[in-house]
Amino acid sequence: MAEFYAADACFRDPFNEVRGVAPIQRIFRHMFDDLADCRFTILDTIVDERGAVLVWDFTFRIRRYRPRIERRIHGASHLRFDAAGRVSHHRDYWDAAEELYAQLPLIGPVLRFLKRRLA
């Protein structure tokens, strides 16, 4: 990871906010330990010397909860590069309520009800 991320890189997503290669690596390791058949499909990119934006679909299965069901999260990553070309900031944007919580048996129906009422 140190090859791709600056030593003091920041990572943020809907569940985490950390600084440093080791904490970022722990997040990725935890994700791959809990999930199976992980795959990112890059749908669009915008890249220049300062950074990149990647629009993606992430498909996976949750090992401990209905592992036969393939799930999908649609999101985007904003990356900023340091002078050496390594990632200094990595922020993932995706809607945890719609993409994940709405699929859970107890929370999902409540979220869908609220969404209909507020629409």
PDB file of N, CA and C in Angstrom:
ATOM      1  N   MET A   1       0.816  -1.193   0.000  1.00  0.00           N
ATOM      2  CA  MET A   1       0.000   0.000   0.000  1.00  0.00           C
ATOM      3  C   MET A   1       0.863   1.262   0.000  1.00  0.00           C
ATOM      4  N   ALA A   2       2.013   1.216   0.649  1.00  0.00           N
ATOM      5  CA  ALA A   2       2.875   2.397   0.722  1.00  0.00           C
ATOM      6  C   ALA A   2       3.354   2.817  -0.665  1.00  0.00           C
ATOM      7  N   GLU A   3       3.310   1.902  -1.611  1.00  0.00           N
ATOM      8  CA  GLU A   3       3.676   2.225  -2.981  1.00  0.00           C
ATOM      9  C   GLU A   3       2.641   3.165  -3.617  1.00  0.00           C
ATOM     10  N   PHE A   4       1.386   3.051  -3.183  1.00  0.00           N
ATOM     11  CA  PHE A   4       0.297   3.811  -3.789  1.00  0.00           C
ATOM     12  C   PHE A   4      -0.204   4.971  -2.931  1.00  0.00           C
ATOM     13  N   TYR A   5      -0.054   4.862  -1.605  1.00  0.00           N
ATOM     14  CA  TYR A   5      -0.567   5.876  -0.685  1.00  0.00           C
ATOM     15  C   TYR A   5       0.583   6.591   0.013  1.00  0.00           C
ATOM     16  N   ALA A   6       0.461   7.906   0.162  1.00  0.00           N
ATOM     17  CA  ALA A   6       1.434   8.686   0.934  1.00  0.00           C
ATOM     18  C   ALA A   6       1.377   8.244   2.394  1.00  0.00           C
ATOM     19  N   ALA A   7       2.487   8.377   3.110  1.00  0.00           N
ATOM     20  CA  ALA A   7       2.564   7.914   4.505  1.00  0.00           C
ATOM     21  C   ALA A   7       1.486   8.536   5.386  1.00  0.00           C
ATOM     22  N   ASP A   8       1.128   9.787   5.124  1.00  0.00           N
ATOM     23  CA  ASP A   8       0.118  10.472   5.946  1.00  0.00           C
ATOM     24  C   ASP A   8      -1.218  10.630   5.209  1.00  0.00           C
ATOM     25  N   ALA A   9      -1.484   9.739   4.269  1.00  0.00           N
ATOM     26  CA  ALA A   9      -2.713   9.816   3.472  1.00  0.00           C
ATOM     27  C   ALA A   9      -3.956   9.760   4.353  1.00  0.00           C
ATOM     28  N   CYS A  10      -4.995  10.465   3.916  1.00  0.00           N
ATOM     29  CA  CYS A  10      -6.294  10.453   4.601  1.00  0.00           C
ATOM     30  C   CYS A  10      -7.257   9.600   3.784  1.00  0.00           C
ATOM     31  N   PHE A  11      -8.067   8.818   4.482  1.00  0.00           N
ATOM     32  CA  PHE A  11      -9.127   8.036   3.838  1.00  0.00           C
ATOM     33  C   PHE A  11     -10.429   8.302   4.576  1.00  0.00           C
ATOM     34  N   ARG A  12     -11.497   8.504   3.800  1.00  0.00           N
ATOM     35  CA  ARG A  12     -12.812   8.717   4.413  1.00  0.00           C
ATOM     36  C   ARG A  12     -13.884   8.067   3.544  1.00  0.00           C
ATOM     37  N   ASP A  13     -14.821   7.401   4.212  1.00  0.00           N
ATOM     38  CA  ASP A  13     -16.011   6.858   3.567  1.00  0.00           C
ATOM     39  C   ASP A  13     -17.170   7.013   4.551  1.00  0.00           C
ATOM     40  N   PRO A  14     -18.376   6.518   4.252  1.00  0.00           N
ATOM     41  CA  PRO A  14     -19.485   6.720   5.192  1.00  0.00           C
ATOM     42  C   PRO A  14     -19.273   6.129   6.589  1.00  0.00           C
ATOM     43  N   PHE A  15     -18.320   5.214   6.753  1.00  0.00           N
ATOM     44  CA  PHE A  15     -18.116   4.560   8.045  1.00  0.00           C
ATOM     45  C   PHE A  15     -16.786   4.865   8.714  1.00  0.00           C
ATOM     46  N   ASN A  16     -15.819   5.379   7.985  1.00  0.00           N
ATOM     47  CA  ASN A  16     -14.456   5.523   8.496  1.00  0.00           C
ATOM     48  C   ASN A  16     -13.871   6.880   8.140  1.00  0.00           C
ATOM     49  N   GLU A  17     -12.955   7.313   8.994  1.00  0.00           N
ATOM     50  CA  GLU A  17     -12.109   8.467   8.682  1.00  0.00           C
ATOM     51  C   GLU A  17     -10.787   8.231   9.391  1.00  0.00           C
ATOM     52  N   VAL A  18      -9.730   7.961   8.602  1.00  0.00           N
ATOM     53  CA  VAL A  18      -8.426   7.623   9.179  1.00  0.00           C
ATOM     54  C   VAL A  18      -7.317   8.344   8.423  1.00  0.00           C
ATOM     55  N   ARG A  19      -6.144   8.368   9.056  1.00  0.00           N
ATOM     56  CA  ARG A  19      -4.947   8.942   8.446  1.00  0.00           C
ATOM     57  C   ARG A  19      -3.809   7.944   8.611  1.00  0.00           C
ATOM     58  N   GLY A  20      -3.065   7.723   7.526  1.00  0.00           N
ATOM     59  CA  GLY A  20      -1.908   6.840   7.554  1.00  0.00           C
ATOM     60  C   GLY A  20      -2.148   5.544   6.803  1.00  0.00           C
ATOM     61  N   VAL A  21      -1.076   4.996   6.277  1.00  0.00           N
ATOM     62  CA  VAL A  21      -1.170   3.786   5.458  1.00  0.00           C
ATOM     63  C   VAL A  21      -1.678   2.600   6.270  1.00  0.00           C
ATOM     64  N   ALA A  22      -1.165   2.392   7.475  1.00  0.00           N
ATOM     65  CA  ALA A  22      -1.576   1.219   8.273  1.00  0.00           C
ATOM     66  C   ALA A  22      -3.075   1.225   8.576  1.00  0.00           C
ATOM     67  N   PRO A  23      -3.669   2.340   9.027  1.00  0.00           N
ATOM     68  CA  PRO A  23      -5.120   2.339   9.258  1.00  0.00           C
ATOM     69  C   PRO A  23      -5.934   2.128   7.972  1.00  0.00           C
ATOM     70  N   ILE A  24      -5.469   2.700   6.865  1.00  0.00           N
ATOM     71  CA  ILE A  24      -6.164   2.486   5.590  1.00  0.00           C
ATOM     72  C   ILE A  24      -6.103   1.011   5.220  1.00  0.00           C
ATOM     73  N   GLN A  25      -4.935   0.425   5.387  1.00  0.00           N
ATOM     74  CA  GLN A  25      -4.765  -0.998   5.082  1.00  0.00           C
ATOM     75  C   GLN A  25      -5.678  -1.857   5.959  1.00  0.00           C
ATOM     76  N   ARG A  26      -5.848  -1.505   7.231  1.00  0.00           N
ATOM     77  CA  ARG A  26      -6.749  -2.256   8.123  1.00  0.00           C
ATOM     78  C   ARG A  26      -8.196  -2.204   7.635  1.00  0.00           C
ATOM     79  N   ILE A  27      -8.620  -1.044   7.159  1.00  0.00           N
ATOM     80  CA  ILE A  27      -9.984  -0.915   6.636  1.00  0.00           C
ATOM     81  C   ILE A  27     -10.179  -1.834   5.440  1.00  0.00           C
ATOM     82  N   PHE A  28      -9.249  -1.810   4.506  1.00  0.00           N
ATOM     83  CA  PHE A  28      -9.370  -2.667   3.322  1.00  0.00           C
ATOM     84  C   PHE A  28      -9.313  -4.143   3.713  1.00  0.00           C
ATOM     85  N   ARG A  29      -8.423  -4.502   4.636  1.00  0.00           N
ATOM     86  CA  ARG A  29      -8.316  -5.897   5.071  1.00  0.00           C
ATOM     87  C   ARG A  29      -9.628  -6.355   5.715  1.00  0.00           C
ATOM     88  N   HIS A  30     -10.193  -5.515   6.577  1.00  0.00           N
ATOM     89  CA  HIS A  30     -11.468  -5.831   7.231  1.00  0.00           C
ATOM     90  C   HIS A  30     -12.571  -6.047   6.188  1.00  0.00           C
ATOM     91  N   MET A  31     -12.599  -5.178   5.176  1.00  0.00           N
ATOM     92  CA  MET A  31     -13.600  -5.308   4.123  1.00  0.00           C
ATOM     93  C   MET A  31     -13.464  -6.657   3.418  1.00  0.00           C
ATOM     94  N   PHE A  32     -12.257  -7.027   3.042  1.00  0.00           N
ATOM     95  CA  PHE A  32     -12.057  -8.281   2.321  1.00  0.00           C
ATOM     96  C   PHE A  32     -12.234  -9.500   3.222  1.00  0.00           C
ATOM     97  N   ASP A  33     -12.046  -9.355   4.531  1.00  0.00           N
ATOM     98  CA  ASP A  33     -12.328 -10.453   5.459  1.00  0.00           C
ATOM     99  C   ASP A  33     -13.828 -10.695   5.591  1.00  0.00           C
ATOM    100  N   ASP A  34     -14.623  -9.632   5.610  1.00  0.00           N
ATOM    101  CA  ASP A  34     -16.073  -9.744   5.820  1.00  0.00           C
ATOM    102  C   ASP A  34     -16.861 -10.005   4.547  1.00  0.00           C
ATOM    103  N   LEU A  35     -16.297  -9.652   3.407  1.00  0.00           N
ATOM    104  CA  LEU A  35     -17.025  -9.758   2.147  1.00  0.00           C
ATOM    105  C   LEU A  35     -16.381 -10.785   1.230  1.00  0.00           C
ATOM    106  N   ALA A  36     -17.185 -11.342   0.335  1.00  0.00           N
ATOM    107  CA  ALA A  36     -16.691 -12.305  -0.653  1.00  0.00           C
ATOM    108  C   ALA A  36     -17.017 -11.788  -2.051  1.00  0.00           C
ATOM    109  N   ASP A  37     -16.279 -12.284  -3.019  1.00  0.00           N
ATOM    110  CA  ASP A  37     -16.525 -11.961  -4.431  1.00  0.00           C
ATOM    111  C   ASP A  37     -16.573 -10.453  -4.677  1.00  0.00           C
ATOM    112  N   CYS A  38     -15.657  -9.725  -4.068  1.00  0.00           N
ATOM    113  CA  CYS A  38     -15.607  -8.262  -4.212  1.00  0.00           C
ATOM    114  C   CYS A  38     -15.115  -7.888  -5.610  1.00  0.00           C
ATOM    115  N   ARG A  39     -15.823  -6.949  -6.220  1.00  0.00           N
ATOM    116  CA  ARG A  39     -15.428  -6.514  -7.558  1.00  0.00           C
ATOM    117  C   ARG A  39     -15.853  -5.056  -7.761  1.00  0.00           C
ATOM    118  N   PHE A  40     -14.905  -4.233  -8.171  1.00  0.00           N
ATOM    119  CA  PHE A  40     -15.205  -2.860  -8.556  1.00  0.00           C
ATOM    120  C   PHE A  40     -15.267  -2.796 -10.079  1.00  0.00           C
ATOM    121  N   THR A  41     -16.323  -2.216 -10.597  1.00  0.00           N
ATOM    122  CA  THR A  41     -16.440  -1.949 -12.025  1.00  0.00           C
ATOM    123  C   THR A  41     -16.385  -0.430 -12.187  1.00  0.00           C
ATOM    124  N   ILE A  42     -15.347   0.042 -12.848  1.00  0.00           N
ATOM    125  CA  ILE A  42     -15.171   1.480 -13.049  1.00  0.00           C
ATOM    126  C   ILE A  42     -16.041   1.906 -14.230  1.00  0.00           C
ATOM    127  N   LEU A  43     -16.947   2.848 -13.977  1.00  0.00           N
ATOM    128  CA  LEU A  43     -17.898   3.299 -14.989  1.00  0.00           C
ATOM    129  C   LEU A  43     -17.461   4.584 -15.676  1.00  0.00           C
ATOM    130  N   ASP A  44     -16.696   5.414 -14.967  1.00  0.00           N
ATOM    131  CA  ASP A  44     -16.254   6.684 -15.536  1.00  0.00           C
ATOM    132  C   ASP A  44     -15.047   7.176 -14.746  1.00  0.00           C
ATOM    133  N   THR A  45     -14.181   7.923 -15.399  1.00  0.00           N
ATOM    134  CA  THR A  45     -13.002   8.487 -14.735  1.00  0.00           C
ATOM    135  C   THR A  45     -12.752   9.909 -15.234  1.00  0.00           C
ATOM    136  N   ILE A  46     -12.250  10.720 -14.332  1.00  0.00           N
ATOM    137  CA  ILE A  46     -11.728  12.042 -14.665  1.00  0.00           C
ATOM    138  C   ILE A  46     -10.375  12.110 -13.967  1.00  0.00           C
ATOM    139  N   VAL A  47      -9.308  12.305 -14.745  1.00  0.00           N
ATOM    140  CA  VAL A  47      -7.959  12.236 -14.179  1.00  0.00           C
ATOM    141  C   VAL A  47      -7.129  13.415 -14.681  1.00  0.00           C
ATOM    142  N   ASP A  48      -6.367  14.015 -13.781  1.00  0.00           N
ATOM    143  CA  ASP A  48      -5.317  14.949 -14.170  1.00  0.00           C
ATOM    144  C   ASP A  48      -4.140  14.744 -13.221  1.00  0.00           C
ATOM    145  N   GLU A  49      -3.126  15.593 -13.310  1.00  0.00           N
ATOM    146  CA  GLU A  49      -1.913  15.381 -12.507  1.00  0.00           C
ATOM    147  C   GLU A  49      -2.159  15.573 -11.012  1.00  0.00           C
ATOM    148  N   ARG A  50      -3.222  16.265 -10.639  1.00  0.00           N
ATOM    149  CA  ARG A  50      -3.503  16.537  -9.225  1.00  0.00           C
ATOM    150  C   ARG A  50      -4.399  15.500  -8.568  1.00  0.00           C
ATOM    151  N   GLY A  51      -5.149  14.743  -9.376  1.00  0.00           N
ATOM    152  CA  GLY A  51      -6.062  13.789  -8.766  1.00  0.00           C
ATOM    153  C   GLY A  51      -6.943  13.094  -9.771  1.00  0.00           C
ATOM    154  N   ALA A  52      -7.939  12.400  -9.236  1.00  0.00           N
ATOM    155  CA  ALA A  52      -8.851  11.635 -10.080  1.00  0.00           C
ATOM    156  C   ALA A  52     -10.194  11.482  -9.382  1.00  0.00           C
ATOM    157  N   VAL A  53     -11.213  11.324 -10.190  1.00  0.00           N
ATOM    158  CA  VAL A  53     -12.537  10.945  -9.706  1.00  0.00           C
ATOM    159  C   VAL A  53     -12.916   9.681 -10.460  1.00  0.00           C
ATOM    160  N   LEU A  54     -13.291   8.660  -9.717  1.00  0.00           N
ATOM    161  CA  LEU A  54     -13.707   7.385 -10.303  1.00  0.00           C
ATOM    162  C   LEU A  54     -15.152   7.126  -9.906  1.00  0.00           C
ATOM    163  N   VAL A  55     -15.997   6.862 -10.883  1.00  0.00           N
ATOM    164  CA  VAL A  55     -17.376   6.456 -10.613  1.00  0.00           C
ATOM    165  C   VAL A  55     -17.412   4.947 -10.780  1.00  0.00           C
ATOM    166  N   TRP A  56     -18.006   4.249  -9.807  1.00  0.00           N
ATOM    167  CA  TRP A  56     -17.894   2.793  -9.791  1.00  0.00           C
ATOM    168  C   TRP A  56     -19.157   2.116  -9.275  1.00  0.00           C
ATOM    169  N   ASP A  57     -19.245   0.826  -9.598  1.00  0.00           N
ATOM    170  CA  ASP A  57     -20.187  -0.090  -8.964  1.00  0.00           C
ATOM    171  C   ASP A  57     -19.346  -1.113  -8.217  1.00  0.00           C
ATOM    172  N   PHE A  58     -19.690  -1.365  -6.982  1.00  0.00           N
ATOM    173  CA  PHE A  58     -18.994  -2.345  -6.146  1.00  0.00           C
ATOM    174  C   PHE A  58     -19.969  -3.484  -5.892  1.00  0.00           C
ATOM    175  N   THR A  59     -19.638  -4.673  -6.364  1.00  0.00           N
ATOM    176  CA  THR A  59     -20.477  -5.843  -6.109  1.00  0.00           C
ATOM    177  C   THR A  59     -19.754  -6.757  -5.134  1.00  0.00           C
ATOM    178  N   PHE A  60     -20.542  -7.433  -4.292  1.00  0.00           N
ATOM    179  CA  PHE A  60     -19.962  -8.261  -3.234  1.00  0.00           C
ATOM    180  C   PHE A  60     -21.042  -9.151  -2.636  1.00  0.00           C
ATOM    181  N   ARG A  61     -20.609 -10.069  -1.810  1.00  0.00           N
ATOM    182  CA  ARG A  61     -21.491 -10.898  -0.988  1.00  0.00           C
ATOM    183  C   ARG A  61     -21.015 -10.755   0.456  1.00  0.00           C
ATOM    184  N   ILE A  62     -21.959 -10.710   1.394  1.00  0.00           N
ATOM    185  CA  ILE A  62     -21.603 -10.629   2.811  1.00  0.00           C
ATOM    186  C   ILE A  62     -21.455 -12.058   3.324  1.00  0.00           C
ATOM    187  N   ARG A  63     -20.274 -12.415   3.775  1.00  0.00           N
ATOM    188  CA  ARG A  63     -19.988 -13.801   4.166  1.00  0.00           C
ATOM    189  C   ARG A  63     -20.934 -14.326   5.243  1.00  0.00           C
ATOM    190  N   ARG A  64     -21.268 -13.502   6.245  1.00  0.00           N
ATOM    191  CA  ARG A  64     -22.031 -13.987   7.401  1.00  0.00           C
ATOM    192  C   ARG A  64     -23.525 -13.710   7.323  1.00  0.00           C
ATOM    193  N   TYR A  65     -23.988 -13.005   6.307  1.00  0.00           N
ATOM    194  CA  TYR A  65     -25.402 -12.658   6.222  1.00  0.00           C
ATOM    195  C   TYR A  65     -25.882 -12.894   4.796  1.00  0.00           C
ATOM    196  N   ARG A  66     -26.651 -13.938   4.618  1.00  0.00           N
ATOM    197  CA  ARG A  66     -27.207 -14.292   3.311  1.00  0.00           C
ATOM    198  C   ARG A  66     -26.122 -14.266   2.234  1.00  0.00           C
ATOM    199  N   PRO A  67     -25.127 -15.136   2.353  1.00  0.00           N
ATOM    200  CA  PRO A  67     -23.959 -15.079   1.468  1.00  0.00           C
ATOM    201  C   PRO A  67     -24.249 -15.401   0.000  1.00  0.00           C
ATOM    202  N   ARG A  68     -25.415 -15.931  -0.298  1.00  0.00           N
ATOM    203  CA  ARG A  68     -25.732 -16.229  -1.702  1.00  0.00           C
ATOM    204  C   ARG A  68     -26.200 -14.995  -2.471  1.00  0.00           C
ATOM    205  N   ILE A  69     -26.584 -13.964  -1.739  1.00  0.00           N
ATOM    206  CA  ILE A  69     -27.120 -12.763  -2.381  1.00  0.00           C
ATOM    207  C   ILE A  69     -25.986 -11.819  -2.769  1.00  0.00           C
ATOM    208  N   GLU A  70     -25.917 -11.514  -4.060  1.00  0.00           N
ATOM    209  CA  GLU A  70     -24.941 -10.523  -4.518  1.00  0.00           C
ATOM    210  C   GLU A  70     -25.534  -9.130  -4.318  1.00  0.00           C
ATOM    211  N   ARG A  71     -24.748  -8.249  -3.764  1.00  0.00           N
ATOM    212  CA  ARG A  71     -25.188  -6.884  -3.487  1.00  0.00           C
ATOM    213  C   ARG A  71     -24.360  -5.917  -4.321  1.00  0.00           C
ATOM    214  N   ARG A  72     -24.905  -4.714  -4.505  1.00  0.00           N
ATOM    215  CA  ARG A  72     -24.216  -3.709  -5.311  1.00  0.00           C
ATOM    216  C   ARG A  72     -24.345  -2.341  -4.651  1.00  0.00           C
ATOM    217  N   ILE A  73     -23.238  -1.632  -4.632  1.00  0.00           N
ATOM    218  CA  ILE A  73     -23.208  -0.244  -4.171  1.00  0.00           C
ATOM    219  C   ILE A  73     -22.680   0.601  -5.325  1.00  0.00           C
ATOM    220  N   HIS A  74     -23.395   1.674  -5.627  1.00  0.00           N
ATOM    221  CA  HIS A  74     -22.954   2.619  -6.649  1.00  0.00           C
ATOM    222  C   HIS A  74     -22.326   3.810  -5.925  1.00  0.00           C
ATOM    223  N   GLY A  75     -21.137   4.196  -6.342  1.00  0.00           N
ATOM    224  CA  GLY A  75     -20.477   5.298  -5.663  1.00  0.00           C
ATOM    225  C   GLY A  75     -19.394   5.937  -6.503  1.00  0.00           C
ATOM    226  N   ALA A  76     -18.617   6.783  -5.839  1.00  0.00           N
ATOM    227  CA  ALA A  76     -17.517   7.478  -6.501  1.00  0.00           C
ATOM    228  C   ALA A  76     -16.386   7.681  -5.505  1.00  0.00           C
ATOM    229  N   SER A  77     -15.177   7.714  -6.013  1.00  0.00           N
ATOM    230  CA  SER A  77     -13.987   7.988  -5.207  1.00  0.00           C
ATOM    231  C   SER A  77     -13.311   9.245  -5.737  1.00  0.00           C
ATOM    232  N   HIS A  78     -12.948  10.136  -4.814  1.00  0.00           N
ATOM    233  CA  HIS A  78     -12.172  11.322  -5.162  1.00  0.00           C
ATOM    234  C   HIS A  78     -10.773  11.109  -4.596  1.00  0.00           C
ATOM    235  N   LEU A  79      -9.788  11.096  -5.466  1.00  0.00           N
ATOM    236  CA  LEU A  79      -8.395  10.895  -5.071  1.00  0.00           C
ATOM    237  C   LEU A  79      -7.606  12.160  -5.369  1.00  0.00           C
ATOM    238  N   ARG A  80      -6.738  12.552  -4.425  1.00  0.00           N
ATOM    239  CA  ARG A  80      -5.782  13.630  -4.674  1.00  0.00           C
ATOM    240  C   ARG A  80      -4.387  13.037  -4.552  1.00  0.00           C
ATOM    241  N   PHE A  81      -3.488  13.479  -5.419  1.00  0.00           N
ATOM    242  CA  PHE A  81      -2.135  12.940  -5.466  1.00  0.00           C
ATOM    243  C   PHE A  81      -1.133  13.926  -4.873  1.00  0.00           C
ATOM    244  N   ASP A  82      -0.078  13.375  -4.245  1.00  0.00           N
ATOM    245  CA  ASP A  82       1.015  14.227  -3.765  1.00  0.00           C
ATOM    246  C   ASP A  82       2.022  14.438  -4.899  1.00  0.00           C
ATOM    247  N   ALA A  83       3.115  15.142  -4.617  1.00  0.00           N
ATOM    248  CA  ALA A  83       4.120  15.448  -5.640  1.00  0.00           C
ATOM    249  C   ALA A  83       4.760  14.193  -6.215  1.00  0.00           C
ATOM    250  N   ALA A  84       4.778  13.101  -5.441  1.00  0.00           N
ATOM    251  CA  ALA A  84       5.363  11.841  -5.911  1.00  0.00           C
ATOM    252  C   ALA A  84       4.349  10.984  -6.669  1.00  0.00           C
ATOM    253  N   GLY A  85       3.111  11.466  -6.798  1.00  0.00           N
ATOM    254  CA  GLY A  85       2.092  10.720  -7.526  1.00  0.00           C
ATOM    255  C   GLY A  85       1.330   9.708  -6.685  1.00  0.00           C
ATOM    256  N   ARG A  86       1.588   9.709  -5.367  1.00  0.00           N
ATOM    257  CA  ARG A  86       0.854   8.792  -4.480  1.00  0.00           C
ATOM    258  C   ARG A  86      -0.432   9.457  -3.994  1.00  0.00           C
ATOM    259  N   VAL A  87      -1.391   8.642  -3.593  1.00  0.00           N
ATOM    260  CA  VAL A  87      -2.669   9.152  -3.096  1.00  0.00           C
ATOM    261  C   VAL A  87      -2.446   9.807  -1.736  1.00  0.00           C
ATOM    262  N   SER A  88      -2.815  11.082  -1.623  1.00  0.00           N
ATOM    263  CA  SER A  88      -2.705  11.782  -0.340  1.00  0.00           C
ATOM    264  C   SER A  88      -4.069  11.909   0.343  1.00  0.00           C
ATOM    265  N   HIS A  89      -5.127  11.941  -0.438  1.00  0.00           N
ATOM    266  CA  HIS A  89      -6.498  11.989   0.080  1.00  0.00           C
ATOM    267  C   HIS A  89      -7.360  11.045  -0.753  1.00  0.00           C
ATOM    268  N   HIS A  90      -8.129  10.224  -0.087  1.00  0.00           N
ATOM    269  CA  HIS A  90      -9.038   9.282  -0.756  1.00  0.00           C
ATOM    270  C   HIS A  90     -10.376   9.378  -0.036  1.00  0.00           C
ATOM    271  N   ARG A  91     -11.383   9.868  -0.745  1.00  0.00           N
ATOM    272  CA  ARG A  91     -12.717   9.971  -0.152  1.00  0.00           C
ATOM    273  C   ARG A  91     -13.703   9.215  -1.032  1.00  0.00           C
ATOM    274  N   ASP A  92     -14.423   8.289  -0.411  1.00  0.00           N
ATOM    275  CA  ASP A  92     -15.458   7.534  -1.112  1.00  0.00           C
ATOM    276  C   ASP A  92     -16.814   8.129  -0.790  1.00  0.00           C
ATOM    277  N   TYR A  93     -17.599   8.351  -1.824  1.00  0.00           N
ATOM    278  CA  TYR A  93     -18.951   8.883  -1.685  1.00  0.00           C
ATOM    279  C   TYR A  93     -19.945   7.816  -2.129  1.00  0.00           C
ATOM    280  N   TRP A  94     -20.831   7.446  -1.223  1.00  0.00           N
ATOM    281  CA  TRP A  94     -21.957   6.578  -1.566  1.00  0.00           C
ATOM    282  C   TRP A  94     -22.994   6.688  -0.465  1.00  0.00           C
ATOM    283  N   ASP A  95     -24.224   6.395  -0.804  1.00  0.00           N
ATOM    284  CA  ASP A  95     -25.347   6.569   0.105  1.00  0.00           C
ATOM    285  C   ASP A  95     -25.550   5.301   0.926  1.00  0.00           C
ATOM    286  N   ALA A  96     -25.051   5.299   2.155  1.00  0.00           N
ATOM    287  CA  ALA A  96     -25.150   4.108   3.008  1.00  0.00           C
ATOM    288  C   ALA A  96     -26.605   3.751   3.295  1.00  0.00           C
ATOM    289  N   ALA A  97     -27.466   4.748   3.453  1.00  0.00           N
ATOM    290  CA  ALA A  97     -28.878   4.466   3.756  1.00  0.00           C
ATOM    291  C   ALA A  97     -29.539   3.734   2.599  1.00  0.00           C
ATOM    292  N   GLU A  98     -29.371   4.243   1.396  1.00  0.00           N
ATOM    293  CA  GLU A  98     -30.030   3.633   0.241  1.00  0.00           C
ATOM    294  C   GLU A  98     -29.345   2.351  -0.205  1.00  0.00           C
ATOM    295  N   GLU A  99     -28.040   2.367  -0.244  1.00  0.00           N
ATOM    296  CA  GLU A  99     -27.299   1.254  -0.827  1.00  0.00           C
ATOM    297  C   GLU A  99     -27.096   0.080   0.123  1.00  0.00           C
ATOM    298  N   LEU A 100     -27.151   0.319   1.430  1.00  0.00           N
ATOM    299  CA  LEU A 100     -26.851  -0.758   2.369  1.00  0.00           C
ATOM    300  C   LEU A 100     -27.949  -0.943   3.408  1.00  0.00           C
ATOM    301  N   TYR A 101     -28.240   0.089   4.169  1.00  0.00           N
ATOM    302  CA  TYR A 101     -29.214  -0.048   5.255  1.00  0.00           C
ATOM    303  C   TYR A 101     -30.597  -0.437   4.750  1.00  0.00           C
ATOM    304  N   ALA A 102     -31.002   0.074   3.587  1.00  0.00           N
ATOM    305  CA  ALA A 102     -32.335  -0.227   3.055  1.00  0.00           C
ATOM    306  C   ALA A 102     -32.494  -1.701   2.716  1.00  0.00           C
ATOM    307  N   GLN A 103     -31.388  -2.426   2.617  1.00  0.00           N
ATOM    308  CA  GLN A 103     -31.441  -3.852   2.303  1.00  0.00           C
ATOM    309  C   GLN A 103     -31.568  -4.727   3.549  1.00  0.00           C
ATOM    310  N   LEU A 104     -31.407  -4.154   4.718  1.00  0.00           N
ATOM    311  CA  LEU A 104     -31.466  -4.928   5.961  1.00  0.00           C
ATOM    312  C   LEU A 104     -32.913  -5.173   6.370  1.00  0.00           C
ATOM    313  N   PRO A 105     -33.198  -6.357   6.936  1.00  0.00           N
ATOM    314  CA  PRO A 105     -34.586  -6.734   7.201  1.00  0.00           C
ATOM    315  C   PRO A 105     -35.331  -5.834   8.182  1.00  0.00           C
ATOM    316  N   LEU A 106     -34.735  -5.351   9.236  1.00  0.00           N
ATOM    317  CA  LEU A 106     -35.452  -4.532  10.211  1.00  0.00           C
ATOM    318  C   LEU A 106     -35.441  -3.049   9.857  1.00  0.00           C
ATOM    319  N   ILE A 107     -34.329  -2.584   9.360  1.00  0.00           N
ATOM    320  CA  ILE A 107     -34.176  -1.162   9.063  1.00  0.00           C
ATOM    321  C   ILE A 107     -34.744  -0.807   7.692  1.00  0.00           C
ATOM    322  N   GLY A 108     -34.589  -1.696   6.729  1.00  0.00           N
ATOM    323  CA  GLY A 108     -35.002  -1.430   5.352  1.00  0.00           C
ATOM    324  C   GLY A 108     -36.436  -0.973   5.198  1.00  0.00           C
ATOM    325  N   PRO A 109     -37.419  -1.711   5.735  1.00  0.00           N
ATOM    326  CA  PRO A 109     -38.813  -1.274   5.581  1.00  0.00           C
ATOM    327  C   PRO A 109     -39.078   0.110   6.180  1.00  0.00           C
ATOM    328  N   VAL A 110     -38.447   0.415   7.296  1.00  0.00           N
ATOM    329  CA  VAL A 110     -38.626   1.734   7.919  1.00  0.00           C
ATOM    330  C   VAL A 110     -38.065   2.826   7.006  1.00  0.00           C
ATOM    331  N   LEU A 111     -36.870   2.607   6.464  1.00  0.00           N
ATOM    332  CA  LEU A 111     -36.268   3.601   5.573  1.00  0.00           C
ATOM    333  C   LEU A 111     -37.099   3.790   4.309  1.00  0.00           C
ATOM    334  N   ARG A 112     -37.595   2.692   3.727  1.00  0.00           N
ATOM    335  CA  ARG A 112     -38.419   2.803   2.523  1.00  0.00           C
ATOM    336  C   ARG A 112     -39.723   3.549   2.821  1.00  0.00           C
ATOM    337  N   PHE A 113     -40.326   3.284   3.978  1.00  0.00           N
ATOM    338  CA  PHE A 113     -41.542   3.989   4.381  1.00  0.00           C
ATOM    339  C   PHE A 113     -41.271   5.491   4.498  1.00  0.00           C
ATOM    340  N   LEU A 114     -40.199   5.838   5.190  1.00  0.00           N
ATOM    341  CA  LEU A 114     -39.858   7.254   5.361  1.00  0.00           C
ATOM    342  C   LEU A 114     -39.579   7.932   4.023  1.00  0.00           C
ATOM    343  N   LYS A 115     -38.903   7.228   3.148  1.00  0.00           N
ATOM    344  CA  LYS A 115     -38.594   7.791   1.836  1.00  0.00           C
ATOM    345  C   LYS A 115     -39.880   8.083   1.058  1.00  0.00           C
ATOM    346  N   ARG A 116     -40.844   7.159   1.106  1.00  0.00           N
ATOM    347  CA  ARG A 116     -42.125   7.377   0.422  1.00  0.00           C
ATOM    348  C   ARG A 116     -42.880   8.560   1.036  1.00  0.00           C
ATOM    349  N   ARG A 117     -42.856   8.659   2.348  1.00  0.00           N
ATOM    350  CA  ARG A 117     -43.586   9.731   3.031  1.00  0.00           C
ATOM    351  C   ARG A 117     -42.976  11.106   2.755  1.00  0.00           C
ATOM    352  N   LEU A 118     -41.666  11.153   2.610  1.00  0.00           N
ATOM    353  CA  LEU A 118     -40.987  12.428   2.396  1.00  0.00           C
ATOM    354  C   LEU A 118     -40.948  12.846   0.929  1.00  0.00           C
ATOM    355  N   ALA A 119     -41.248  11.925   0.033  1.00  0.00           N
ATOM    356  CA  ALA A 119     -41.171  12.216  -1.415  1.00  0.00           C
ATOM    357  C   ALA A 119     -42.313  13.102  -1.874  1.00  0.00           C
TER     358      ALA A 119
END
